[in-house]
Amino acid sequence: MILPDGPDSFYLVGSGLALTFGSHEAGKIARVGSVDEGSFVNGHWTPGRRLNGDETFGAYRIVLAPDAVRVVHITLYSVPQ
């Protein structure tokens, strides 16, 4: 499940999923700015561990393992193509 949180951010909920980011508008490429694992507590986002570049495959891919449902908050940025 993908839940928008703004023009360049969203929550991703699930397992066994890989998202690869690429072109999203002419001449630009989307890249991962930050990824925080966490949970919703009483309706509010509570961030936990921040994933690093190794875990985002150099800022272009997010992988949720199939062993458990995870919730992550992702922000994106764009670079020239």
Protein backbone atom coordinates (compact mmCIF):
# COMPACT_ATOMS: atom_id res chain seq x y z
CA MET A 1 0.00 0.00 0.00
CA ILE A 2 1.27 3.48 -0.86
CA LEU A 3 -0.07 6.43 1.15
CA PRO A 4 0.87 9.92 -0.11
CA ASP A 5 2.23 12.36 2.47
CA GLY A 6 3.09 15.28 0.19
CA PRO A 7 4.36 15.98 -3.32
CA ASP A 8 7.66 14.12 -2.75
CA SER A 9 6.95 11.84 0.21
CA PHE A 10 4.82 8.83 1.03
CA TYR A 11 4.38 5.88 3.38
CA LEU A 12 4.96 2.41 2.02
CA VAL A 13 3.31 -0.50 3.85
CA GLY A 14 3.85 -4.12 2.87
CA SER A 15 6.23 -7.02 2.43
CA GLY A 16 7.93 -8.81 -0.44
CA LEU A 17 8.12 -5.65 -2.54
CA ALA A 18 10.83 -3.82 -4.49
CA LEU A 19 10.35 -0.28 -5.83
CA THR A 20 12.82 1.19 -8.30
CA PHE A 21 12.71 4.91 -8.99
CA GLY A 22 13.47 6.47 -12.37
CA SER A 23 12.19 9.27 -14.55
CA HIS A 24 9.18 11.11 -13.22
CA GLU A 25 9.24 14.18 -15.44
CA ALA A 26 11.08 15.18 -18.58
CA GLY A 27 14.81 15.54 -18.00
CA LYS A 28 14.77 14.48 -14.33
CA ILE A 29 15.28 11.28 -12.36
CA ALA A 30 13.72 10.55 -8.96
CA ARG A 31 16.09 9.46 -6.19
CA VAL A 32 15.53 8.41 -2.58
CA GLY A 33 16.27 11.22 -0.14
CA SER A 34 15.48 9.40 3.10
CA VAL A 35 13.80 6.22 4.30
CA ASP A 36 12.69 5.81 7.90
CA GLU A 37 11.26 2.58 9.27
CA GLY A 38 8.63 3.17 11.91
CA SER A 39 5.04 2.73 12.95
CA PHE A 40 1.87 4.61 13.65
CA VAL A 41 1.13 5.02 17.36
CA ASN A 42 -2.26 6.52 18.27
CA GLY A 43 -2.58 7.83 14.72
CA HIS A 44 0.83 9.56 14.68
CA TRP A 45 3.94 8.49 12.77
CA THR A 46 6.77 7.38 15.05
CA PRO A 47 10.04 7.04 13.13
CA GLY A 48 12.53 4.37 14.06
CA ARG A 49 15.65 3.36 12.18
CA ARG A 50 16.85 5.43 9.20
CA LEU A 51 18.02 3.32 6.27
CA ASN A 52 21.33 4.25 4.66
CA GLY A 53 22.61 4.25 1.07
CA ASP A 54 23.48 0.55 1.12
CA GLU A 55 19.89 -0.26 2.05
CA THR A 56 18.48 2.03 -0.67
CA PHE A 57 20.80 0.64 -3.36
CA GLY A 58 22.47 3.99 -3.96
CA ALA A 59 19.26 6.05 -3.56
CA TYR A 60 17.23 4.45 -6.33
CA ARG A 61 15.53 1.35 -4.86
CA ILE A 62 13.53 0.29 -1.79
CA VAL A 63 13.12 -3.39 -0.89
CA LEU A 64 10.72 -4.73 1.72
CA ALA A 65 11.61 -8.30 2.66
CA PRO A 66 8.88 -10.98 2.52
CA ASP A 67 9.30 -12.11 6.14
CA ALA A 68 7.23 -9.36 7.83
CA VAL A 69 4.99 -6.39 7.03
CA ARG A 70 6.96 -3.16 7.35
CA VAL A 71 6.05 0.54 7.29
CA VAL A 72 8.54 3.06 5.91
CA HIS A 73 8.33 6.78 5.22
CA ILE A 74 10.11 7.77 2.01
CA THR A 75 11.08 11.19 0.71
CA LEU A 76 12.28 11.71 -2.84
CA TYR A 77 14.30 14.33 -4.68
CA SER A 78 15.08 14.79 -8.36
CA VAL A 79 18.33 15.17 -10.27
CA PRO A 80 18.97 16.11 -13.92
CA GLN A 81 18.99 13.13 -16.27
